[in-house]
Amino acid sequence: MIDPNYIDFTSNPNFGLFNDNVDGYTIRQIEDALIGQKKWNDWRDNIKNKYENETENNLDALFIFWSI
């Protein structure tokens, strides 16, 4: 969510190549959005609600990738 267009194919071999297409968030934003969240998708939704980011429409796919 920080680095642009990182391709990760080692973490989830079931997907093969995966381009996260999410970037531009700061570590502080990611951490702050986590505060008070108890569920994976609540954290995702909080990121979307708290911050304007041109790549936020790709957060759903990223969170699905890491949840499997």
PDB file of N, CA and C in Angstrom:
ATOM      1  N   MET A   1       0.821  -1.196   0.000  1.00  0.00           N
ATOM      2  CA  MET A   1       0.000   0.000   0.000  1.00  0.00           C
ATOM      3  C   MET A   1       0.863   1.256   0.000  1.00  0.00           C
ATOM      4  N   ILE A   2       2.145   1.062   0.098  1.00  0.00           N
ATOM      5  CA  ILE A   2       3.060   2.192   0.134  1.00  0.00           C
ATOM      6  C   ILE A   2       3.825   2.313  -1.179  1.00  0.00           C
ATOM      7  N   ASP A   3       4.365   1.187  -1.640  1.00  0.00           N
ATOM      8  CA  ASP A   3       5.188   1.210  -2.845  1.00  0.00           C
ATOM      9  C   ASP A   3       4.330   1.049  -4.097  1.00  0.00           C
ATOM     10  N   PRO A   4       4.707   1.704  -5.175  1.00  0.00           N
ATOM     11  CA  PRO A   4       3.895   1.639  -6.395  1.00  0.00           C
ATOM     12  C   PRO A   4       4.042   0.320  -7.141  1.00  0.00           C
ATOM     13  N   ASN A   5       2.885  -0.274  -7.463  1.00  0.00           N
ATOM     14  CA  ASN A   5       2.802  -1.415  -8.377  1.00  0.00           C
ATOM     15  C   ASN A   5       3.778  -2.548  -8.084  1.00  0.00           C
ATOM     16  N   TYR A   6       3.821  -2.967  -6.847  1.00  0.00           N
ATOM     17  CA  TYR A   6       4.660  -4.093  -6.465  1.00  0.00           C
ATOM     18  C   TYR A   6       3.975  -5.393  -6.878  1.00  0.00           C
ATOM     19  N   ILE A   7       4.690  -6.252  -7.557  1.00  0.00           N
ATOM     20  CA  ILE A   7       4.142  -7.541  -7.969  1.00  0.00           C
ATOM     21  C   ILE A   7       4.603  -8.594  -6.967  1.00  0.00           C
ATOM     22  N   ASP A   8       3.652  -9.264  -6.342  1.00  0.00           N
ATOM     23  CA  ASP A   8       3.962 -10.268  -5.337  1.00  0.00           C
ATOM     24  C   ASP A   8       3.477 -11.619  -5.826  1.00  0.00           C
ATOM     25  N   PHE A   9       4.393 -12.527  -6.068  1.00  0.00           N
ATOM     26  CA  PHE A   9       3.982 -13.843  -6.497  1.00  0.00           C
ATOM     27  C   PHE A   9       4.499 -14.931  -5.573  1.00  0.00           C
ATOM     28  N   THR A  10       5.206 -14.562  -4.535  1.00  0.00           N
ATOM     29  CA  THR A  10       5.748 -15.566  -3.632  1.00  0.00           C
ATOM     30  C   THR A  10       4.851 -15.791  -2.418  1.00  0.00           C
ATOM     31  N   SER A  11       4.069 -14.831  -2.024  1.00  0.00           N
ATOM     32  CA  SER A  11       3.293 -14.930  -0.804  1.00  0.00           C
ATOM     33  C   SER A  11       2.028 -15.762  -0.961  1.00  0.00           C
ATOM     34  N   ASN A  12       1.482 -15.834  -2.162  1.00  0.00           N
ATOM     35  CA  ASN A  12       0.267 -16.589  -2.368  1.00  0.00           C
ATOM     36  C   ASN A  12       0.341 -17.287  -3.725  1.00  0.00           C
ATOM     37  N   PRO A  13       0.958 -18.455  -3.765  1.00  0.00           N
ATOM     38  CA  PRO A  13       1.141 -19.131  -5.048  1.00  0.00           C
ATOM     39  C   PRO A  13      -0.165 -19.553  -5.719  1.00  0.00           C
ATOM     40  N   ASN A  14      -1.268 -19.589  -4.982  1.00  0.00           N
ATOM     41  CA  ASN A  14      -2.562 -19.927  -5.576  1.00  0.00           C
ATOM     42  C   ASN A  14      -3.021 -18.881  -6.581  1.00  0.00           C
ATOM     43  N   PHE A  15      -2.549 -17.657  -6.429  1.00  0.00           N
ATOM     44  CA  PHE A  15      -2.935 -16.578  -7.326  1.00  0.00           C
ATOM     45  C   PHE A  15      -1.940 -16.372  -8.452  1.00  0.00           C
ATOM     46  N   GLY A  16      -0.733 -16.875  -8.315  1.00  0.00           N
ATOM     47  CA  GLY A  16       0.299 -16.575  -9.300  1.00  0.00           C
ATOM     48  C   GLY A  16       0.723 -15.128  -9.151  1.00  0.00           C
ATOM     49  N   LEU A  17       0.902 -14.448 -10.251  1.00  0.00           N
ATOM     50  CA  LEU A  17       1.295 -13.043 -10.204  1.00  0.00           C
ATOM     51  C   LEU A  17       0.136 -12.183  -9.733  1.00  0.00           C
ATOM     52  N   PHE A  18       0.430 -11.259  -8.866  1.00  0.00           N
ATOM     53  CA  PHE A  18      -0.593 -10.341  -8.382  1.00  0.00           C
ATOM     54  C   PHE A  18      -0.008  -8.954  -8.301  1.00  0.00           C
ATOM     55  N   ASN A  19      -0.627  -8.010  -8.973  1.00  0.00           N
ATOM     56  CA  ASN A  19      -0.202  -6.629  -8.942  1.00  0.00           C
ATOM     57  C   ASN A  19      -1.174  -5.870  -8.056  1.00  0.00           C
ATOM     58  N   ASP A  20      -0.713  -5.412  -6.902  1.00  0.00           N
ATOM     59  CA  ASP A  20      -1.639  -4.847  -5.922  1.00  0.00           C
ATOM     60  C   ASP A  20      -2.291  -3.537  -6.354  1.00  0.00           C
ATOM     61  N   ASN A  21      -1.670  -2.767  -7.220  1.00  0.00           N
ATOM     62  CA  ASN A  21      -2.263  -1.518  -7.716  1.00  0.00           C
ATOM     63  C   ASN A  21      -2.737  -0.572  -6.627  1.00  0.00           C
ATOM     64  N   VAL A  22      -2.158  -0.663  -5.461  1.00  0.00           N
ATOM     65  CA  VAL A  22      -2.478   0.260  -4.364  1.00  0.00           C
ATOM     66  C   VAL A  22      -1.170   0.884  -3.907  1.00  0.00           C
ATOM     67  N   ASP A  23      -1.122   2.200  -3.893  1.00  0.00           N
ATOM     68  CA  ASP A  23       0.065   2.881  -3.391  1.00  0.00           C
ATOM     69  C   ASP A  23      -0.307   4.265  -2.889  1.00  0.00           C
ATOM     70  N   GLY A  24       0.662   4.925  -2.299  1.00  0.00           N
ATOM     71  CA  GLY A  24       0.465   6.300  -1.877  1.00  0.00           C
ATOM     72  C   GLY A  24       0.011   6.488  -0.435  1.00  0.00           C
ATOM     73  N   TYR A  25      -0.218   5.401   0.283  1.00  0.00           N
ATOM     74  CA  TYR A  25      -0.558   5.527   1.703  1.00  0.00           C
ATOM     75  C   TYR A  25       0.729   5.602   2.506  1.00  0.00           C
ATOM     76  N   THR A  26       0.686   6.318   3.617  1.00  0.00           N
ATOM     77  CA  THR A  26       1.849   6.377   4.498  1.00  0.00           C
ATOM     78  C   THR A  26       1.715   5.299   5.571  1.00  0.00           C
ATOM     79  N   ILE A  27       2.820   4.971   6.175  1.00  0.00           N
ATOM     80  CA  ILE A  27       2.782   4.011   7.280  1.00  0.00           C
ATOM     81  C   ILE A  27       1.878   4.530   8.383  1.00  0.00           C
ATOM     82  N   ARG A  28       1.940   5.808   8.672  1.00  0.00           N
ATOM     83  CA  ARG A  28       1.107   6.409   9.712  1.00  0.00           C
ATOM     84  C   ARG A  28      -0.371   6.235   9.389  1.00  0.00           C
ATOM     85  N   GLN A  29      -0.763   6.460   8.151  1.00  0.00           N
ATOM     86  CA  GLN A  29      -2.167   6.291   7.763  1.00  0.00           C
ATOM     87  C   GLN A  29      -2.619   4.845   7.945  1.00  0.00           C
ATOM     88  N   ILE A  30      -1.793   3.914   7.537  1.00  0.00           N
ATOM     89  CA  ILE A  30      -2.134   2.502   7.657  1.00  0.00           C
ATOM     90  C   ILE A  30      -2.277   2.106   9.117  1.00  0.00           C
ATOM     91  N   GLU A  31      -1.346   2.565   9.942  1.00  0.00           N
ATOM     92  CA  GLU A  31      -1.401   2.258  11.374  1.00  0.00           C
ATOM     93  C   GLU A  31      -2.610   2.912  12.037  1.00  0.00           C
ATOM     94  N   ASP A  32      -2.844   4.177  11.742  1.00  0.00           N
ATOM     95  CA  ASP A  32      -3.959   4.900  12.362  1.00  0.00           C
ATOM     96  C   ASP A  32      -5.307   4.283  11.981  1.00  0.00           C
ATOM     97  N   ALA A  33      -5.419   3.800  10.769  1.00  0.00           N
ATOM     98  CA  ALA A  33      -6.668   3.177  10.327  1.00  0.00           C
ATOM     99  C   ALA A  33      -6.914   1.853  11.043  1.00  0.00           C
ATOM    100  N   LEU A  34      -5.870   1.244  11.550  1.00  0.00           N
ATOM    101  CA  LEU A  34      -5.984  -0.033  12.254  1.00  0.00           C
ATOM    102  C   LEU A  34      -6.518   0.127  13.684  1.00  0.00           C
ATOM    103  N   ILE A  35      -6.312   1.287  14.273  1.00  0.00           N
ATOM    104  CA  ILE A  35      -6.709   1.521  15.664  1.00  0.00           C
ATOM    105  C   ILE A  35      -8.215   1.312  15.832  1.00  0.00           C
ATOM    106  N   GLY A  36      -8.557   0.448  16.768  1.00  0.00           N
ATOM    107  CA  GLY A  36      -9.953   0.196  17.104  1.00  0.00           C
ATOM    108  C   GLY A  36     -10.659  -0.794  16.197  1.00  0.00           C
ATOM    109  N   GLN A  37      -9.976  -1.295  15.182  1.00  0.00           N
ATOM    110  CA  GLN A  37     -10.609  -2.227  14.246  1.00  0.00           C
ATOM    111  C   GLN A  37     -10.356  -3.654  14.710  1.00  0.00           C
ATOM    112  N   LYS A  38     -11.390  -4.462  14.698  1.00  0.00           N
ATOM    113  CA  LYS A  38     -11.269  -5.847  15.151  1.00  0.00           C
ATOM    114  C   LYS A  38     -11.397  -6.852  14.012  1.00  0.00           C
ATOM    115  N   LYS A  39     -11.872  -6.406  12.885  1.00  0.00           N
ATOM    116  CA  LYS A  39     -12.056  -7.295  11.748  1.00  0.00           C
ATOM    117  C   LYS A  39     -11.273  -6.779  10.550  1.00  0.00           C
ATOM    118  N   TRP A  40     -10.822  -7.731   9.745  1.00  0.00           N
ATOM    119  CA  TRP A  40     -10.004  -7.442   8.569  1.00  0.00           C
ATOM    120  C   TRP A  40     -10.659  -6.421   7.651  1.00  0.00           C
ATOM    121  N   ASN A  41     -11.932  -6.644   7.300  1.00  0.00           N
ATOM    122  CA  ASN A  41     -12.608  -5.735   6.370  1.00  0.00           C
ATOM    123  C   ASN A  41     -12.947  -4.399   7.001  1.00  0.00           C
ATOM    124  N   ASP A  42     -13.082  -4.357   8.328  1.00  0.00           N
ATOM    125  CA  ASP A  42     -13.290  -3.069   9.001  1.00  0.00           C
ATOM    126  C   ASP A  42     -12.060  -2.187   8.863  1.00  0.00           C
ATOM    127  N   TRP A  43     -10.885  -2.806   8.924  1.00  0.00           N
ATOM    128  CA  TRP A  43      -9.639  -2.053   8.735  1.00  0.00           C
ATOM    129  C   TRP A  43      -9.599  -1.483   7.319  1.00  0.00           C
ATOM    130  N   ARG A  44      -9.924  -2.312   6.328  1.00  0.00           N
ATOM    131  CA  ARG A  44      -9.967  -1.859   4.932  1.00  0.00           C
ATOM    132  C   ARG A  44     -10.936  -0.692   4.762  1.00  0.00           C
ATOM    133  N   ASP A  45     -12.141  -0.845   5.316  1.00  0.00           N
ATOM    134  CA  ASP A  45     -13.154   0.197   5.185  1.00  0.00           C
ATOM    135  C   ASP A  45     -12.727   1.477   5.876  1.00  0.00           C
ATOM    136  N   ASN A  46     -12.039   1.345   6.995  1.00  0.00           N
ATOM    137  CA  ASN A  46     -11.569   2.531   7.710  1.00  0.00           C
ATOM    138  C   ASN A  46     -10.513   3.283   6.907  1.00  0.00           C
ATOM    139  N   ILE A  47      -9.660   2.554   6.228  1.00  0.00           N
ATOM    140  CA  ILE A  47      -8.675   3.196   5.347  1.00  0.00           C
ATOM    141  C   ILE A  47      -9.403   3.991   4.265  1.00  0.00           C
ATOM    142  N   LYS A  48     -10.400   3.364   3.655  1.00  0.00           N
ATOM    143  CA  LYS A  48     -11.161   4.041   2.599  1.00  0.00           C
ATOM    144  C   LYS A  48     -11.873   5.285   3.119  1.00  0.00           C
ATOM    145  N   ASN A  49     -12.458   5.187   4.301  1.00  0.00           N
ATOM    146  CA  ASN A  49     -13.239   6.294   4.850  1.00  0.00           C
ATOM    147  C   ASN A  49     -12.389   7.448   5.360  1.00  0.00           C
ATOM    148  N   LYS A  50     -11.220   7.145   5.880  1.00  0.00           N
ATOM    149  CA  LYS A  50     -10.384   8.178   6.483  1.00  0.00           C
ATOM    150  C   LYS A  50      -9.534   8.958   5.481  1.00  0.00           C
ATOM    151  N   TYR A  51      -9.165   8.313   4.375  1.00  0.00           N
ATOM    152  CA  TYR A  51      -8.169   8.922   3.489  1.00  0.00           C
ATOM    153  C   TYR A  51      -8.624   8.914   2.033  1.00  0.00           C
ATOM    154  N   GLU A  52      -8.364   9.995   1.368  1.00  0.00           N
ATOM    155  CA  GLU A  52      -8.585  10.092  -0.071  1.00  0.00           C
ATOM    156  C   GLU A  52      -7.326   9.587  -0.758  1.00  0.00           C
ATOM    157  N   ASN A  53      -7.503   8.628  -1.651  1.00  0.00           N
ATOM    158  CA  ASN A  53      -6.377   8.078  -2.373  1.00  0.00           C
ATOM    159  C   ASN A  53      -6.883   7.613  -3.732  1.00  0.00           C
ATOM    160  N   GLU A  54      -6.165   7.944  -4.766  1.00  0.00           N
ATOM    161  CA  GLU A  54      -6.622   7.611  -6.117  1.00  0.00           C
ATOM    162  C   GLU A  54      -6.605   6.112  -6.401  1.00  0.00           C
ATOM    163  N   THR A  55      -5.948   5.332  -5.559  1.00  0.00           N
ATOM    164  CA  THR A  55      -5.900   3.884  -5.776  1.00  0.00           C
ATOM    165  C   THR A  55      -6.805   3.108  -4.807  1.00  0.00           C
ATOM    166  N   GLU A  56      -7.643   3.800  -4.049  1.00  0.00           N
ATOM    167  CA  GLU A  56      -8.443   3.112  -3.024  1.00  0.00           C
ATOM    168  C   GLU A  56      -9.445   2.118  -3.602  1.00  0.00           C
ATOM    169  N   ASN A  57      -9.829   2.285  -4.855  1.00  0.00           N
ATOM    170  CA  ASN A  57     -10.745   1.321  -5.468  1.00  0.00           C
ATOM    171  C   ASN A  57     -10.119  -0.064  -5.619  1.00  0.00           C
ATOM    172  N   ASN A  58      -8.810  -0.148  -5.495  1.00  0.00           N
ATOM    173  CA  ASN A  58      -8.113  -1.423  -5.605  1.00  0.00           C
ATOM    174  C   ASN A  58      -7.872  -2.093  -4.247  1.00  0.00           C
ATOM    175  N   LEU A  59      -8.295  -1.438  -3.165  1.00  0.00           N
ATOM    176  CA  LEU A  59      -8.088  -2.009  -1.835  1.00  0.00           C
ATOM    177  C   LEU A  59      -8.837  -3.325  -1.643  1.00  0.00           C
ATOM    178  N   ASP A  60     -10.027  -3.450  -2.191  1.00  0.00           N
ATOM    179  CA  ASP A  60     -10.799  -4.684  -2.030  1.00  0.00           C
ATOM    180  C   ASP A  60     -10.012  -5.887  -2.546  1.00  0.00           C
ATOM    181  N   ALA A  61      -9.475  -5.779  -3.751  1.00  0.00           N
ATOM    182  CA  ALA A  61      -8.712  -6.886  -4.334  1.00  0.00           C
ATOM    183  C   ALA A  61      -7.474  -7.196  -3.505  1.00  0.00           C
ATOM    184  N   LEU A  62      -6.822  -6.168  -2.996  1.00  0.00           N
ATOM    185  CA  LEU A  62      -5.631  -6.372  -2.182  1.00  0.00           C
ATOM    186  C   LEU A  62      -5.969  -7.104  -0.887  1.00  0.00           C
ATOM    187  N   PHE A  63      -7.025  -6.700  -0.226  1.00  0.00           N
ATOM    188  CA  PHE A  63      -7.407  -7.341   1.030  1.00  0.00           C
ATOM    189  C   PHE A  63      -7.892  -8.765   0.797  1.00  0.00           C
ATOM    190  N   ILE A  64      -8.555  -9.019  -0.320  1.00  0.00           N
ATOM    191  CA  ILE A  64      -8.965 -10.386  -0.647  1.00  0.00           C
ATOM    192  C   ILE A  64      -7.720 -11.259  -0.866  1.00  0.00           C
ATOM    193  N   PHE A  65      -6.762 -10.723  -1.598  1.00  0.00           N
ATOM    194  CA  PHE A  65      -5.526 -11.466  -1.861  1.00  0.00           C
ATOM    195  C   PHE A  65      -4.850 -11.900  -0.565  1.00  0.00           C
ATOM    196  N   TRP A  66      -4.736 -10.984   0.383  1.00  0.00           N
ATOM    197  CA  TRP A  66      -4.030 -11.292   1.625  1.00  0.00           C
ATOM    198  C   TRP A  66      -4.887 -12.062   2.624  1.00  0.00           C
ATOM    199  N   SER A  67      -6.167 -12.187   2.388  1.00  0.00           N
ATOM    200  CA  SER A  67      -7.019 -12.920   3.334  1.00  0.00           C
ATOM    201  C   SER A  67      -7.087 -14.417   3.008  1.00  0.00           C
ATOM    202  N   ILE A  68      -6.622 -14.789   1.851  1.00  0.00           N
ATOM    203  CA  ILE A  68      -6.716 -16.196   1.439  1.00  0.00           C
ATOM    204  C   ILE A  68      -5.461 -16.938   1.832  1.00  0.00           C
TER     205      ILE A  68
END
